[in-house]
C-alpha cells in the first residue's frame, strides 16, 4: 500500500477509492474511512462526489474513521518502535 493512503486516513476526511478489492480496499472498509467502488460505476462515483461537495459547501463535512486514528505517522512510528524493541 502506498504511503499516500495512510496520509489520507490521517486527514479523517472521506476517501473514495475506485478499483479492485485488495489491501487498500480492506483498510478503507475496516476503518470506515470512505467508500470503495469496484469497476466503472459512474453513477456511484458521481453520487459520492456530489455528497462530498455539498457537505463541504454547507460546512457539514463528517470526519470519518473509528476512534483515534491508528494510522497517523506518530502512531505508526510508535508501533514500529515498539515492535523493534520487542524483537
Protein backbone atom coordinates (compact mmCIF):
# COMPACT_ATOMS: atom_id res chain seq x y z
CA UNK A 1 0.00 0.00 0.00
CA UNK A 2 1.18 3.48 -0.73
CA UNK A 3 2.13 5.93 1.98
CA UNK A 4 -0.40 8.32 0.49
CA UNK A 5 -3.25 6.12 1.67
CA UNK A 6 -2.07 6.49 5.27
CA UNK A 7 -1.84 10.25 4.76
CA UNK A 8 -5.44 10.28 3.52
CA UNK A 9 -6.54 8.20 6.52
CA UNK A 10 -4.87 10.67 8.86
CA UNK A 11 -6.98 13.54 7.48
CA UNK A 12 -10.14 11.67 8.57
CA UNK A 13 -11.92 13.06 5.50
CA UNK A 14 -13.96 10.63 3.38
CA UNK A 15 -11.86 8.63 0.91
CA UNK A 16 -13.15 7.46 -2.46
CA UNK A 17 -11.29 4.51 -3.92
CA UNK A 18 -12.12 3.15 -7.36
CA UNK A 19 -10.66 -0.19 -8.32
CA UNK A 20 -10.49 -3.86 -7.43
CA UNK A 21 -10.60 -5.34 -3.96
CA UNK A 22 -7.29 -5.60 -2.20
CA UNK A 23 -5.38 -4.48 0.87
CA UNK A 24 -6.20 -0.80 0.36
CA UNK A 25 -9.91 -1.53 0.00
CA UNK A 26 -9.83 -3.72 3.11
CA UNK A 27 -8.13 -0.95 5.10
CA UNK A 28 -10.63 1.69 3.96
CA UNK A 29 -13.56 -0.58 4.80
CA UNK A 30 -12.20 -1.73 8.15
CA UNK A 31 -11.57 1.83 9.33
CA UNK A 32 -14.86 3.20 8.00
CA UNK A 33 -12.81 5.86 6.23
CA UNK A 34 -14.72 6.08 2.99
CA UNK A 35 -16.19 4.23 0.08
CA UNK A 36 -14.79 1.56 -2.20
CA UNK A 37 -16.32 1.37 -5.68
CA UNK A 38 -15.43 -1.53 -7.91
CA UNK A 39 -15.15 -1.00 -11.65
CA UNK A 40 -16.54 1.81 -13.73
CA UNK A 41 -19.74 2.74 -11.92
CA UNK A 42 -20.00 6.38 -12.85
CA UNK A 43 -23.34 6.89 -11.13
CA UNK A 44 -21.97 5.77 -7.74
CA UNK A 45 -18.82 7.83 -8.16
CA UNK A 46 -20.87 10.88 -9.11
CA UNK A 47 -23.18 10.39 -6.11
CA UNK A 48 -20.23 10.17 -3.69
CA UNK A 49 -18.61 13.29 -5.15
CA UNK A 50 -21.87 15.25 -5.07
CA UNK A 51 -22.42 14.36 -1.42
CA UNK A 52 -18.84 15.30 -0.54
CA UNK A 53 -19.13 18.62 -2.39
CA UNK A 54 -22.43 19.51 -0.72
CA UNK A 55 -21.01 18.67 2.71
CA UNK A 56 -18.03 20.93 2.00
CA UNK A 57 -20.24 23.71 0.63
CA UNK A 58 -22.57 23.56 3.65
CA UNK A 59 -19.69 23.20 6.13
CA UNK A 60 -21.06 19.85 7.29
CA UNK A 61 -18.11 17.64 6.40
CA UNK A 62 -18.21 14.50 8.53
CA UNK A 63 -14.89 13.24 9.78
CA UNK A 64 -14.66 9.50 9.34
CA UNK A 65 -12.74 6.66 10.84
CA UNK A 66 -13.17 4.73 14.02
CA UNK A 67 -11.88 6.21 17.26
CA UNK A 68 -8.39 7.62 17.43
CA UNK A 69 -6.74 7.19 14.07
CA UNK A 70 -4.24 4.35 14.33
CA UNK A 71 -2.70 5.35 11.00
CA UNK A 72 -1.16 8.72 11.79
CA UNK A 73 2.60 8.96 11.35
CA UNK A 74 3.05 9.27 15.10
CA UNK A 75 1.06 6.12 15.90
CA UNK A 76 2.65 4.08 13.11
CA UNK A 77 6.13 5.14 14.23
CA UNK A 78 5.27 4.31 17.83
CA UNK A 79 4.09 0.86 16.78
CA UNK A 80 7.25 0.33 14.72
CA UNK A 81 9.49 1.29 17.63
CA UNK A 82 7.56 -0.99 19.99
CA UNK A 83 7.88 -3.90 17.53
CA UNK A 84 11.62 -3.29 17.12
CA UNK A 85 12.20 -3.13 20.89
CA UNK A 86 10.28 -6.39 21.38
CA UNK A 87 12.24 -8.07 18.62
